[in-house]
Amino acid sequence: MKALVLAAMLLVAAPGFAETQVQCIRAETIAGFEAWGKGEAAGALTIGKPVALTLTDAIAIKYEPAPARAPEMGSYGGVFPLDVAKTGTYSIALSGKAWIEVVRDGAQLKATAHREGTQCSGIRKIVSFDLKPGRYWLQLTEANGPAISALIVPAG
């Protein structure tokens, strides 16, 4: 009985709390990101495969070019190679907060779109870029911790 009274008090005190908990029981899927969270590899960025990236102290990284947002003390970041075989728009999803830049030949590319992941998907943000075949560098700054999950997929 005490548990029922406590549960009722929580619902009155925090409307939306129970609703949020119920909504997050099942993971939501975002179109194009069905592979999210499945069999994550570590380290190398490969289009279509989820990866767990290890980040380091963003202040200590030599970014080229310098990021549009200077890293803050205590934040994490990293620079990761990405090889693209086909021309197209590619979307990069991250599990946590981080500033995303894509660099080629020493120049930052302009993002074509950005959005937040849906509630309970595990995806924090998605940023899209138009890419041609070749090597790019994914620069991450302003992350909260030393690890982040990423997935790059053709937008479509």
Foldseek 3Di string as FASTA:
>chain_A
DVVVVVVVVCCVVDPPPVVLVVVQPDADDDPQVPQPPPPADEDAADAPGKHKYFWDQQQPDDDQVQDPDHADGQKTKDKHKDFDDAWAKKKKWKLFDKDKWKADPRDTFDWPDKDADDPNNSTGMMTMGGDHGDMIMIIIHRTNDRIMMMHMYGDD
